[in-house]
């Protein structure tokens, strides 16, 4: 049995906001793959739960009139991976969320819960950071948009207020059109494993696929929060794929921007090694997906 004070099934986003606002002890729940574990462990025991699991307005994937892609916060990982828009425009994100847990978890878990939980190990987080994703939050004062770069405040902490509901994520056309990407997750097992390190690299090549015009590098578990390595990205701007120092400059600069910790899963020193190696591997794969090849 779970130690909860009550359970309320919200009928809409506004209904969920109202219920959360009226009970300062209430907590939001969607798939429950994170919340129920915390309740069972005693961390959130005795709280009331407000469920947004069956609210249609926060589910699905849409192409908006300005060609931004909207992903509902209540959309399951399985739906995201298999959605035609995701497969066409954001395959890296689809692959990343397909690495979460096992099939049962992916059928229940959502991108909203994965990111709003605040964990740096969230498989969707590094990809979302590399895509400059915006979060849509609805609370008593209405809706606000927050860049994912401003969302995390520390380990397990975000700017989302307790009475706010994350309704969706926006990815602008300029952040996916012309880009390819690769997410690599390192764990001790192939499946059912929390990331020891997650690395997302996105690239945009020039017309003849000989040069990198822009690049993005994001990590999970390389710092207290998911991060972008902007200095490493700058090292790749307008660089030839034949430049002999391309991979080493990229990976070595990334090491100056991270701050991993030692844990029972891995030491800081091992994570530093992974940060360097996965940057090189993910960059090489992202370039290949774009039709180029690194000869460095």
Protein backbone atom coordinates (compact mmCIF):
# COMPACT_ATOMS: atom_id res chain seq x y z
CA UNK A 1 0.00 0.00 0.00
CA UNK A 2 1.10 3.55 -0.72
CA UNK A 3 0.88 6.12 2.07
CA UNK A 4 -1.12 8.90 0.38
CA UNK A 5 -3.60 11.31 1.92
CA UNK A 6 -5.90 11.38 -1.11
CA UNK A 7 -6.13 11.04 -4.87
CA UNK A 8 -7.86 13.46 -7.23
CA UNK A 9 -8.36 12.87 -10.97
CA UNK A 10 -8.20 16.28 -12.65
CA UNK A 11 -10.52 16.83 -15.63
CA UNK A 12 -8.46 19.62 -17.22
CA UNK A 13 -5.27 21.61 -16.72
CA UNK A 14 -7.21 24.40 -15.01
CA UNK A 15 -8.89 21.85 -12.74
CA UNK A 16 -5.48 20.43 -11.79
CA UNK A 17 -4.11 23.91 -11.03
CA UNK A 18 -7.16 24.63 -8.86
CA UNK A 19 -6.77 21.37 -6.91
CA UNK A 20 -3.05 21.97 -6.35
CA UNK A 21 -3.68 25.56 -5.25
CA UNK A 22 -6.36 24.56 -2.74
CA UNK A 23 -4.23 21.92 -1.01
CA UNK A 24 -0.69 22.93 -0.13
CA UNK A 25 0.07 19.27 0.62
CA UNK A 26 -0.88 18.10 -2.86
CA UNK A 27 1.59 16.89 -5.48
CA UNK A 28 1.19 16.38 -9.20
CA UNK A 29 1.28 12.88 -10.67
CA UNK A 30 1.10 11.64 -14.25
CA UNK A 31 2.55 8.22 -15.07
CA UNK A 32 3.74 7.82 -11.49
CA UNK A 33 7.03 6.13 -12.38
CA UNK A 34 8.96 8.65 -10.27
CA UNK A 35 6.37 9.95 -7.78
CA UNK A 36 5.18 6.57 -6.54
CA UNK A 37 8.75 5.42 -6.00
CA UNK A 38 9.35 8.47 -3.79
CA UNK A 39 6.11 7.81 -1.89
CA UNK A 40 7.03 4.16 -1.32
CA UNK A 41 10.48 5.23 -0.12
CA UNK A 42 8.84 7.57 2.40
CA UNK A 43 10.14 10.79 0.84
CA UNK A 44 6.68 12.03 -0.22
CA UNK A 45 4.58 9.83 2.02
CA UNK A 46 1.33 11.24 3.39
CA UNK A 47 0.74 13.70 0.55
CA UNK A 48 -2.33 14.04 -1.64
CA UNK A 49 -1.91 13.35 -5.35
CA UNK A 50 -3.49 15.28 -8.20
CA UNK A 51 -3.46 13.20 -11.38
CA UNK A 52 -3.24 14.68 -14.89
CA UNK A 53 -2.93 11.24 -16.48
CA UNK A 54 -6.19 11.41 -18.43
CA UNK A 55 -6.16 15.02 -19.64
CA UNK A 56 -6.22 14.94 -23.47
CA UNK A 57 -4.96 18.53 -23.90
CA UNK A 58 -1.45 17.64 -22.68
CA UNK A 59 -0.99 14.59 -24.90
CA UNK A 60 0.31 14.14 -28.44
CA UNK A 61 2.75 15.76 -30.87
CA UNK A 62 1.78 18.60 -33.23
CA UNK A 63 3.34 20.74 -35.94
CA UNK A 64 2.23 24.31 -35.18
CA UNK A 65 1.53 27.01 -37.81
CA UNK A 66 5.01 28.53 -37.32
CA UNK A 67 6.46 25.01 -37.80
CA UNK A 68 7.50 24.68 -34.19
CA UNK A 69 6.95 21.17 -32.84
CA UNK A 70 4.77 20.87 -29.73
CA UNK A 71 5.12 17.79 -27.53
CA UNK A 72 2.50 17.36 -24.84
CA UNK A 73 3.98 16.90 -21.38
CA UNK A 74 1.63 13.97 -20.78
CA UNK A 75 2.77 12.09 -23.88
CA UNK A 76 4.29 8.71 -23.10
CA UNK A 77 7.82 7.86 -24.16
CA UNK A 78 6.49 5.10 -26.41
CA UNK A 79 4.22 7.55 -28.24
CA UNK A 80 7.06 10.05 -28.69
CA UNK A 81 9.42 7.42 -30.14
CA UNK A 82 6.82 6.20 -32.65
CA UNK A 83 5.28 9.52 -33.62
CA UNK A 84 5.75 10.33 -37.36
CA UNK A 85 6.74 13.96 -36.69
CA UNK A 86 9.38 12.87 -34.17
CA UNK A 87 10.75 10.22 -36.52
CA UNK A 88 10.98 12.75 -39.36
CA UNK A 89 12.28 15.82 -37.55
CA UNK A 90 13.58 14.77 -34.11
CA UNK A 91 14.79 11.16 -34.32
CA UNK A 92 17.50 11.78 -31.72
CA UNK A 93 14.86 12.66 -29.13
CA UNK A 94 12.82 9.58 -30.06
CA UNK A 95 15.87 7.37 -29.64
CA UNK A 96 16.79 8.99 -26.32
CA UNK A 97 13.39 8.44 -24.67
CA UNK A 98 13.38 4.87 -25.99
CA UNK A 99 16.29 4.21 -23.62
CA UNK A 100 14.24 4.98 -20.51
CA UNK A 101 13.63 1.91 -18.32
CA UNK A 102 11.81 -1.00 -19.94
CA UNK A 103 8.68 -1.22 -22.11
CA UNK A 104 6.29 -0.92 -19.16
CA UNK A 105 8.00 2.25 -17.91
CA UNK A 106 8.06 3.76 -21.40
CA UNK A 107 4.34 3.08 -21.80
CA UNK A 108 3.58 4.89 -18.53
CA UNK A 109 6.34 7.47 -18.16
CA UNK A 110 6.18 10.89 -19.80
CA UNK A 111 8.63 13.53 -20.96
CA UNK A 112 6.92 16.01 -18.63
CA UNK A 113 7.62 13.88 -15.59
CA UNK A 114 11.11 12.97 -16.75
CA UNK A 115 12.21 16.60 -17.08
CA UNK A 116 10.17 18.14 -14.26
CA UNK A 117 11.59 15.58 -11.84
CA UNK A 118 14.81 17.59 -12.14
CA UNK A 119 17.18 14.63 -12.32
CA UNK A 120 20.36 15.22 -14.30
CA UNK A 121 20.22 11.56 -15.40
CA UNK A 122 16.88 11.96 -17.23
CA UNK A 123 17.32 10.51 -20.73
CA UNK A 124 15.17 13.17 -22.37
CA UNK A 125 17.00 16.05 -20.68
CA UNK A 126 20.29 16.19 -22.61
CA UNK A 127 18.48 15.98 -25.93
CA UNK A 128 15.98 18.65 -24.87
CA UNK A 129 18.84 20.93 -23.80
CA UNK A 130 20.59 20.49 -27.16
CA UNK A 131 17.31 21.43 -28.89
CA UNK A 132 16.86 24.71 -26.96
CA UNK A 133 13.50 23.38 -25.80
CA UNK A 134 10.95 25.69 -24.17
CA UNK A 135 8.68 24.45 -21.39
CA UNK A 136 5.08 25.58 -21.07
CA UNK A 137 3.92 25.92 -17.46
CA UNK A 138 0.37 26.79 -16.40
CA UNK A 139 -0.37 28.03 -12.91
CA UNK A 140 -2.81 30.29 -11.04
CA UNK A 141 -1.46 33.37 -12.87
CA UNK A 142 -1.77 31.76 -16.32
CA UNK A 143 0.80 30.30 -18.72
CA UNK A 144 4.51 31.09 -18.84
CA UNK A 145 7.31 29.89 -21.08
CA UNK A 146 10.68 28.90 -19.67
CA UNK A 147 13.80 28.03 -21.62
CA UNK A 148 15.16 24.67 -20.53
CA UNK A 149 18.47 26.45 -19.96
CA UNK A 150 16.78 28.41 -17.14
CA UNK A 151 14.65 25.56 -15.83
CA UNK A 152 17.04 23.61 -13.59
CA UNK A 153 18.25 25.21 -10.36
CA UNK A 154 20.10 22.28 -8.80
CA UNK A 155 20.00 18.51 -8.29
CA UNK A 156 16.32 17.53 -8.38
CA UNK A 157 15.26 21.19 -8.33
CA UNK A 158 13.58 23.33 -10.98
CA UNK A 159 11.77 26.66 -11.27
CA UNK A 160 8.39 24.93 -11.62
CA UNK A 161 6.14 25.95 -8.75
CA UNK A 162 4.28 23.21 -6.91
CA UNK A 163 0.89 24.43 -8.15
CA UNK A 164 2.02 24.68 -11.78
CA UNK A 165 1.33 22.06 -14.44
CA UNK A 166 3.81 21.49 -17.25
CA UNK A 167 1.58 21.23 -20.32
CA UNK A 168 4.11 20.81 -23.11
CA UNK A 169 7.41 21.48 -24.81
CA UNK A 170 8.18 23.64 -27.84
CA UNK A 171 11.04 23.08 -30.27
CA UNK A 172 11.45 25.80 -32.88
CA UNK A 173 12.01 25.09 -36.57
CA UNK A 174 15.47 26.67 -36.54
CA UNK A 175 16.49 24.23 -33.81
CA UNK A 176 15.65 21.09 -35.81
CA UNK A 177 15.65 21.94 -39.53
CA UNK A 178 19.01 21.13 -41.15
CA UNK A 179 20.37 19.50 -37.98
CA UNK A 180 21.20 15.88 -37.23
CA UNK A 181 22.01 14.46 -33.84
CA UNK A 182 23.10 11.47 -31.82
CA UNK A 183 22.40 10.63 -28.17
CA UNK A 184 24.60 8.07 -26.45
CA UNK A 185 23.75 6.70 -23.03
CA UNK A 186 26.33 4.86 -20.99
CA UNK A 187 25.15 2.46 -18.32
CA UNK A 188 26.32 -0.77 -16.77
CA UNK A 189 23.51 -2.64 -18.52
CA UNK A 190 21.92 -2.32 -21.95
CA UNK A 191 18.42 -1.80 -20.54
CA UNK A 192 16.58 -0.92 -17.31
CA UNK A 193 19.48 1.28 -16.26
CA UNK A 194 19.81 4.85 -15.03
CA UNK A 195 22.40 6.70 -17.08
CA UNK A 196 25.94 6.81 -15.73
CA UNK A 197 26.38 9.50 -18.37
CA UNK A 198 24.27 10.79 -21.25
CA UNK A 199 25.70 12.73 -24.20
CA UNK A 200 23.79 14.51 -26.98
CA UNK A 201 25.53 16.05 -30.00
CA UNK A 202 23.80 17.93 -32.81
CA UNK A 203 25.46 19.26 -35.96
CA UNK A 204 24.62 21.33 -39.01
CA UNK A 205 26.96 20.84 -41.97
CA UNK A 206 27.57 23.08 -44.97
CA UNK A 207 26.20 22.29 -48.44
CA UNK A 208 28.91 19.89 -49.61
CA UNK A 209 29.16 18.18 -46.20
CA UNK A 210 32.80 19.09 -45.74
CA UNK A 211 32.53 21.54 -42.84
CA UNK A 212 30.65 21.96 -39.57
CA UNK A 213 28.66 25.19 -39.58
CA UNK A 214 27.30 24.76 -36.05
CA UNK A 215 27.36 22.16 -33.31
CA UNK A 216 25.74 21.59 -29.95
CA UNK A 217 26.89 19.43 -27.06
CA UNK A 218 24.79 18.59 -24.01
CA UNK A 219 25.29 16.15 -21.14
CA UNK A 220 23.34 14.51 -18.39
CA UNK A 221 25.17 13.45 -15.18
CA UNK A 222 28.19 15.58 -16.10
CA UNK A 223 27.14 18.28 -13.61
CA UNK A 224 24.45 18.79 -10.94
CA UNK A 225 22.01 19.65 -13.77
CA UNK A 226 21.87 18.85 -17.50
CA UNK A 227 24.26 21.25 -19.28
CA UNK A 228 25.34 22.65 -22.63
CA UNK A 229 29.07 22.90 -23.32
CA UNK A 230 29.15 26.15 -25.28
CA UNK A 231 32.93 26.58 -25.37
CA UNK A 232 33.29 23.15 -26.96
CA UNK A 233 30.57 24.09 -29.45
CA UNK A 234 32.47 27.23 -30.43
CA UNK A 235 35.55 25.12 -31.16
CA UNK A 236 33.68 23.42 -33.99
CA UNK A 237 32.21 26.45 -35.75
CA UNK A 238 33.18 26.48 -39.43
CA UNK A 239 35.73 23.69 -38.90
CA UNK A 240 36.64 21.32 -41.73
CA UNK A 241 35.83 17.65 -41.18
CA UNK A 242 39.43 16.96 -42.23
CA UNK A 243 40.92 19.15 -39.50
CA UNK A 244 43.26 16.84 -37.53
CA UNK A 245 42.50 18.54 -34.22
CA UNK A 246 38.71 18.45 -34.57
CA UNK A 247 37.81 15.62 -32.20
CA UNK A 248 40.49 16.36 -29.61
CA UNK A 249 39.67 20.09 -29.43
CA UNK A 250 35.98 19.28 -29.01
CA UNK A 251 36.38 16.66 -26.28
CA UNK A 252 39.17 18.39 -24.37
CA UNK A 253 37.30 21.68 -24.25
CA UNK A 254 34.20 19.87 -22.98
CA UNK A 255 36.24 18.62 -20.03
CA UNK A 256 36.82 22.21 -18.89
CA UNK A 257 33.06 22.87 -18.69
CA UNK A 258 31.78 19.90 -16.71
CA UNK A 259 31.69 19.00 -13.03
CA UNK A 260 30.70 15.35 -12.52
CA UNK A 261 30.61 13.76 -9.10
CA UNK A 262 31.57 10.36 -7.77
CA UNK A 263 28.68 8.07 -6.86
CA UNK A 264 28.10 4.35 -6.40
CA UNK A 265 27.50 4.12 -10.16
CA UNK A 266 30.81 5.63 -11.21
CA UNK A 267 33.73 7.71 -9.98
CA UNK A 268 34.29 11.29 -11.09
CA UNK A 269 37.42 10.15 -12.91
CA UNK A 270 35.54 7.52 -14.91
CA UNK A 271 32.81 10.01 -15.81
CA UNK A 272 35.46 12.45 -17.04
CA UNK A 273 36.77 9.71 -19.32
CA UNK A 274 33.24 9.05 -20.58
CA UNK A 275 32.64 12.76 -21.18
CA UNK A 276 35.63 12.91 -23.48
CA UNK A 277 35.03 9.63 -25.30
CA UNK A 278 31.26 10.01 -25.80
CA UNK A 279 31.69 13.53 -27.19
CA UNK A 280 33.94 12.16 -29.93
CA UNK A 281 31.70 9.17 -30.67
CA UNK A 282 28.47 11.15 -30.72
CA UNK A 283 30.01 13.85 -32.92
CA UNK A 284 31.27 11.27 -35.43
CA UNK A 285 27.85 9.59 -35.54
CA UNK A 286 25.95 12.88 -35.88
CA UNK A 287 28.19 13.88 -38.80
CA UNK A 288 27.60 10.52 -40.50
CA UNK A 289 23.84 10.92 -40.12
CA UNK A 290 24.18 14.25 -41.92
CA UNK A 291 26.02 12.67 -44.86
CA UNK A 292 29.54 13.67 -43.86
CA UNK A 293 32.53 11.87 -42.43
CA UNK A 294 35.25 13.00 -40.05
CA UNK A 295 38.71 12.29 -41.44
CA UNK A 296 40.62 13.81 -38.53
